[in-house]
Amino acid sequence: MFFGSTRYYNGADNNGCQLAAIKLNNDVILMENRANGKTMSTVVKRPRGRPPQLSQDRILDSALLLLQSVPLSQLTMQRLANELGTTPTALYGYFNNQEDLFLNISERVMAGVDMAAARAEQDWRQALRLWANAIRDRILVFPHAAELVQLRPGQTPAGWFELTVPLIQALRRAGLSGYLLMDSVRCISRMVFGAIVNELTLDPYNLSLEQENASAALQHLSAESRAEIEYLMPYLGDQDNNALFAFTVDRLVDGIEALVKRAPD
């Protein structure tokens, strides 16, 4: 066995001889051929060849892969170029600047949201729930990209308008129109994205500090405020994110139902 080696093939050839391939490094492969109790080893160099061709899709795929493990602040053009085995200058042949790259990443994330169920659902309440959960499911795959999919003035990705359509359709089936419809779309979008970002911010470690932080604050509070916070202390530091998100969306549904009931005909 070689230090740092990786066995990546085991099998037999047409004559029944046992074969194995062990990767020693990126360039050298040790082939082992076992027959009649004997082992013959051959070192084979991998052909250098040309690296995979750079493309916009390949760059975005690599960026999204990075964002599954590193924060957005560490996604620099240099870091991305290193991952792709190229130079930052080569990346600028596909994106004008880092902002352009980020905008395209945002588009790619949103393009992967599966809205089929929300579009097919005729009950507006359930359609709204499906819409919200589809967005959450996608963003949680790329937690460090959450900041990118938030809307920025003058940089609203076209994909966002596509994602908004099932929500608009659900609210129209609920009976909303005009400014009430527009305000409801804005309100629900902000609440859903805000809930997702808050969930990502309050990771298990930060959540565990809730009781500690509240306890430290008690001495600085008024008697009335202190009594209210002390009442909540036993419930701090524990949170079921799935249940809380469902609770949040259900309250949005309740709000829309109440709005429809009192809206003028």
Protein backbone atom coordinates (compact mmCIF):
# COMPACT_ATOMS: atom_id res chain seq x y z
CA MET A 1 0.00 0.00 0.00
CA PHE A 2 1.31 3.42 -0.91
CA PHE A 3 0.94 6.42 1.35
CA GLY A 4 -1.74 8.74 0.00
CA SER A 5 -2.75 6.30 -2.72
CA THR A 6 -6.37 5.66 -3.71
CA ARG A 7 -7.63 2.32 -5.06
CA TYR A 8 -10.28 3.18 -7.60
CA TYR A 9 -10.80 0.01 -9.63
CA ASN A 10 -11.14 -3.68 -8.84
CA GLY A 11 -12.23 -6.32 -11.33
CA ALA A 12 -11.12 -9.00 -13.74
CA ASP A 13 -9.91 -9.04 -17.33
CA ASN A 14 -11.16 -11.35 -20.08
CA ASN A 15 -8.81 -14.12 -18.92
CA GLY A 16 -10.09 -14.03 -15.36
CA CYS A 17 -7.01 -12.28 -13.98
CA GLN A 18 -7.76 -9.97 -11.07
CA LEU A 19 -7.00 -6.34 -11.87
CA ALA A 20 -6.64 -3.36 -9.59
CA ALA A 21 -5.70 0.24 -10.22
CA ILE A 22 -4.23 2.45 -7.54
CA LYS A 23 -3.95 6.20 -8.08
CA LEU A 24 -0.64 7.43 -6.70
CA ASN A 25 -1.14 11.08 -7.68
CA ASN A 26 -2.77 13.05 -10.45
CA ASP A 27 -0.35 11.74 -13.08
CA VAL A 28 0.67 8.21 -12.14
CA ILE A 29 -1.41 5.03 -11.88
CA LEU A 30 -0.13 1.69 -10.54
CA MET A 31 -1.77 -1.24 -12.33
CA GLU A 32 -1.76 -4.55 -10.45
CA ASN A 33 -2.43 -7.79 -12.32
CA ARG A 34 -2.96 -10.82 -10.09
CA ALA A 35 -2.85 -14.31 -11.61
CA ASN A 36 -1.92 -17.72 -10.23
CA GLY A 37 -1.12 -16.23 -6.85
CA LYS A 38 1.37 -13.77 -8.30
CA THR A 39 1.10 -10.02 -8.58
CA MET A 40 2.61 -8.00 -11.41
CA SER A 41 2.70 -4.24 -11.05
CA THR A 42 2.98 -1.69 -13.82
CA VAL A 43 3.30 2.06 -13.44
CA VAL A 44 1.30 3.93 -16.06
CA LYS A 45 1.47 7.67 -16.64
CA ARG A 46 -1.80 9.34 -17.42
CA PRO A 47 -1.81 11.36 -20.61
CA ARG A 48 -1.55 15.02 -19.93
CA GLY A 49 -4.02 16.17 -22.55
CA ARG A 50 -5.83 19.47 -22.49
CA PRO A 51 -7.81 20.48 -19.39
CA PRO A 52 -11.62 20.61 -19.67
CA GLN A 53 -12.67 23.58 -21.75
CA LEU A 54 -13.66 26.63 -19.76
CA SER A 55 -17.24 27.79 -20.19
CA GLN A 56 -19.74 29.98 -18.40
CA ASP A 57 -21.69 26.92 -17.26
CA ARG A 58 -18.56 25.24 -15.89
CA ILE A 59 -17.58 28.39 -14.00
CA LEU A 60 -21.06 28.72 -12.46
CA ASP A 61 -21.16 25.03 -11.54
CA SER A 62 -17.83 25.38 -9.77
CA ALA A 63 -18.97 28.55 -7.98
CA LEU A 64 -22.14 26.88 -6.70
CA LEU A 65 -20.13 23.88 -5.52
CA LEU A 66 -17.88 26.22 -3.56
CA LEU A 67 -20.86 28.02 -2.05
CA GLN A 68 -22.02 24.77 -0.51
CA SER A 69 -19.01 24.90 1.81
CA VAL A 70 -17.53 28.42 1.92
CA PRO A 71 -19.10 31.81 2.72
CA LEU A 72 -19.73 34.33 -0.02
CA SER A 73 -16.88 36.53 1.24
CA GLN A 74 -14.42 33.77 0.30
CA LEU A 75 -15.74 33.34 -3.23
CA THR A 76 -13.15 35.53 -4.95
CA MET A 77 -12.20 35.41 -8.60
CA GLN A 78 -8.80 34.09 -7.54
CA ARG A 79 -10.32 31.30 -5.41
CA LEU A 80 -12.67 30.32 -8.22
CA ALA A 81 -9.85 30.40 -10.77
CA ASN A 82 -7.77 28.11 -8.56
CA GLU A 83 -10.62 25.62 -8.39
CA LEU A 84 -10.89 25.62 -12.16
CA GLY A 85 -7.16 25.44 -12.79
CA THR A 86 -7.09 28.76 -14.63
CA THR A 87 -6.49 32.46 -13.96
CA PRO A 88 -8.82 35.28 -12.87
CA THR A 89 -8.13 36.97 -16.20
CA ALA A 90 -9.64 33.98 -18.02
CA LEU A 91 -12.83 34.29 -15.94
CA TYR A 92 -13.26 37.89 -17.00
CA GLY A 93 -13.71 36.60 -20.52
CA TYR A 94 -17.08 35.25 -19.37
CA PHE A 95 -18.13 37.80 -16.73
CA ASN A 96 -17.60 41.55 -16.71
CA ASN A 97 -16.75 41.64 -13.01
CA GLN A 98 -17.50 39.90 -9.73
CA GLU A 99 -20.93 41.53 -9.52
CA ASP A 100 -21.78 40.08 -12.93
CA LEU A 101 -20.65 36.65 -11.69
CA PHE A 102 -22.79 36.99 -8.57
CA LEU A 103 -25.83 38.01 -10.60
CA ASN A 104 -25.43 34.93 -12.79
CA ILE A 105 -25.02 32.71 -9.72
CA SER A 106 -28.25 34.18 -8.37
CA GLU A 107 -29.99 33.36 -11.65
CA ARG A 108 -28.66 29.81 -11.54
CA VAL A 109 -29.87 29.27 -7.97
CA MET A 110 -33.35 30.56 -8.73
CA ALA A 111 -33.57 28.64 -12.00
CA GLY A 112 -33.23 25.46 -9.96
CA VAL A 113 -36.32 26.13 -7.83
CA ASP A 114 -38.92 23.47 -8.62
CA MET A 115 -42.27 25.25 -8.89
CA ALA A 116 -44.15 22.42 -10.62
CA ALA A 117 -46.23 21.50 -7.57
CA ALA A 118 -47.07 25.13 -6.74
CA ARG A 119 -48.16 25.79 -10.33
CA ALA A 120 -50.35 22.70 -10.45
CA GLU A 121 -52.06 23.25 -7.09
CA GLN A 122 -55.48 24.90 -7.43
CA ASP A 123 -56.09 25.59 -3.74
CA TRP A 124 -54.45 28.97 -3.22
CA ARG A 125 -53.56 28.26 0.41
CA GLN A 126 -51.68 25.09 -0.38
CA ALA A 127 -50.14 26.69 -3.48
CA LEU A 128 -48.72 29.47 -1.30
CA ARG A 129 -47.25 26.89 1.09
CA LEU A 130 -45.72 24.91 -1.78
CA TRP A 131 -44.28 28.11 -3.28
CA ALA A 132 -42.60 29.11 -0.02
CA ASN A 133 -41.21 25.63 0.65
CA ALA A 134 -39.84 25.29 -2.89
CA ILE A 135 -37.79 28.47 -2.44
CA ARG A 136 -36.59 27.41 1.02
CA ASP A 137 -35.59 23.94 -0.17
CA ARG A 138 -33.46 25.41 -2.96
CA ILE A 139 -31.73 28.09 -0.89
CA LEU A 140 -30.87 25.62 1.88
CA VAL A 141 -28.88 23.63 -0.69
CA PHE A 142 -26.70 26.70 -1.23
CA PRO A 143 -26.85 28.44 2.17
CA HIS A 144 -23.97 30.81 1.40
CA ALA A 145 -25.76 32.03 -1.72
CA ALA A 146 -28.77 33.32 0.24
CA GLU A 147 -27.40 36.86 0.17
CA LEU A 148 -27.20 36.74 -3.62
CA VAL A 149 -30.85 35.89 -4.21
CA GLN A 150 -32.08 38.91 -2.27
CA LEU A 151 -33.28 41.64 -4.57
CA ARG A 152 -31.05 44.62 -5.26
CA PRO A 153 -32.13 47.94 -6.80
CA GLY A 154 -31.63 47.85 -10.55
CA GLN A 155 -30.44 44.23 -10.48
CA THR A 156 -33.60 42.16 -10.26
CA PRO A 157 -32.81 38.89 -12.07
CA ALA A 158 -35.31 37.82 -14.71
CA GLY A 159 -35.60 34.49 -12.91
CA TRP A 160 -37.16 36.23 -9.92
CA PHE A 161 -40.13 37.38 -12.01
CA GLU A 162 -40.58 33.79 -13.22
CA LEU A 163 -40.58 32.53 -9.64
CA THR A 164 -43.12 35.14 -8.58
CA VAL A 165 -45.77 34.02 -11.08
CA PRO A 166 -47.09 31.02 -9.06
CA LEU A 167 -47.43 33.30 -6.02
CA ILE A 168 -49.31 35.91 -8.05
CA GLN A 169 -51.61 33.26 -9.48
CA ALA A 170 -52.34 31.83 -6.02
CA LEU A 171 -53.20 35.26 -4.61
CA ARG A 172 -55.42 36.09 -7.57
CA ARG A 173 -57.33 32.85 -6.96
CA ALA A 174 -57.73 34.03 -3.37
CA GLY A 175 -59.51 37.09 -4.75
CA LEU A 176 -56.83 39.79 -4.55
CA SER A 177 -56.19 42.31 -7.28
CA GLY A 178 -54.61 45.71 -7.90
CA TYR A 179 -52.61 47.28 -5.10
CA LEU A 180 -53.78 44.69 -2.56
CA LEU A 181 -52.32 41.99 -4.77
CA MET A 182 -49.05 43.85 -5.29
CA ASP A 183 -48.62 44.65 -1.59
CA SER A 184 -49.37 41.04 -0.68
CA VAL A 185 -46.76 39.73 -3.13
CA ARG A 186 -44.16 42.08 -1.64
CA CYS A 187 -45.11 41.25 1.93
CA ILE A 188 -45.04 37.47 1.45
CA SER A 189 -41.78 37.58 -0.52
CA ARG A 190 -40.06 39.60 2.20
CA MET A 191 -41.41 37.42 4.99
CA VAL A 192 -40.39 34.17 3.29
CA PHE A 193 -36.88 35.32 2.36
CA GLY A 194 -36.45 36.95 5.76
CA ALA A 195 -37.43 33.73 7.52
CA ILE A 196 -34.96 31.71 5.43
CA VAL A 197 -32.08 34.14 6.00
CA ASN A 198 -32.84 34.22 9.74
CA GLU A 199 -32.83 30.42 9.83
CA LEU A 200 -29.40 30.35 8.18
CA THR A 201 -28.06 32.99 10.55
CA LEU A 202 -29.28 31.23 13.69
CA ASP A 203 -27.28 28.04 13.25
CA PRO A 204 -27.34 25.52 16.14
CA TYR A 205 -24.37 27.20 17.86
CA ASN A 206 -25.81 30.72 17.74
CA LEU A 207 -29.20 29.38 18.76
CA SER A 208 -27.63 27.73 21.80
CA LEU A 209 -26.52 31.18 22.97
CA GLU A 210 -30.08 32.52 23.20
CA GLN A 211 -30.50 31.63 26.87
CA GLU A 212 -27.01 32.85 27.75
CA ASN A 213 -27.54 36.18 25.99
CA ALA A 214 -30.99 36.66 27.51
CA SER A 215 -29.71 35.85 30.99
CA ALA A 216 -26.89 38.39 30.63
CA ALA A 217 -29.38 41.05 29.52
CA LEU A 218 -31.82 40.61 32.40
CA GLN A 219 -29.98 42.94 34.79
CA HIS A 220 -30.18 45.76 32.25
CA LEU A 221 -33.94 45.49 31.72
CA SER A 222 -36.83 47.19 33.46
CA ALA A 223 -38.77 45.11 35.96
CA GLU A 224 -41.65 44.69 33.51
CA SER A 225 -39.38 43.63 30.63
CA ARG A 226 -37.34 41.34 32.87
CA ALA A 227 -40.48 39.47 33.96
CA GLU A 228 -41.51 38.86 30.34
CA ILE A 229 -38.07 37.60 29.27
CA GLU A 230 -37.78 35.36 32.35
CA TYR A 231 -41.09 33.79 31.37
CA LEU A 232 -39.65 32.85 27.96
CA MET A 233 -36.27 31.63 29.26
CA PRO A 234 -37.20 27.92 29.43
CA TYR A 235 -38.16 27.99 25.74
CA LEU A 236 -35.04 29.69 24.39
CA GLY A 237 -32.20 27.83 22.70
CA ASP A 238 -34.38 25.17 21.08
CA GLN A 239 -35.96 25.49 17.66
CA ASP A 240 -37.43 23.16 15.03
CA ASN A 241 -36.72 25.07 11.82
CA ASN A 242 -39.13 23.05 9.71
CA ALA A 243 -41.98 23.58 12.16
CA LEU A 244 -41.19 27.27 12.60
CA PHE A 245 -41.12 27.90 8.85
CA ALA A 246 -44.46 26.08 8.44
CA PHE A 247 -45.86 28.18 11.31
CA THR A 248 -44.64 31.38 9.60
CA VAL A 249 -46.22 30.49 6.26
CA ASP A 250 -49.48 29.44 7.92
CA ARG A 251 -49.69 32.86 9.58
CA LEU A 252 -49.22 34.45 6.16
CA VAL A 253 -52.10 32.35 4.84
CA ASP A 254 -54.22 33.44 7.81
CA GLY A 255 -53.38 37.06 7.04
CA ILE A 256 -54.40 36.75 3.40
CA GLU A 257 -57.68 35.09 4.37
CA ALA A 258 -58.44 37.94 6.78
CA LEU A 259 -57.53 40.50 4.11
CA VAL A 260 -59.84 38.86 1.55
CA LYS A 261 -62.75 38.86 3.99
CA ARG A 262 -62.55 42.58 4.66
CA ALA A 263 -61.52 43.68 1.15
CA PRO A 264 -64.17 45.77 -0.65
CA ASP A 265 -66.06 43.98 -3.40
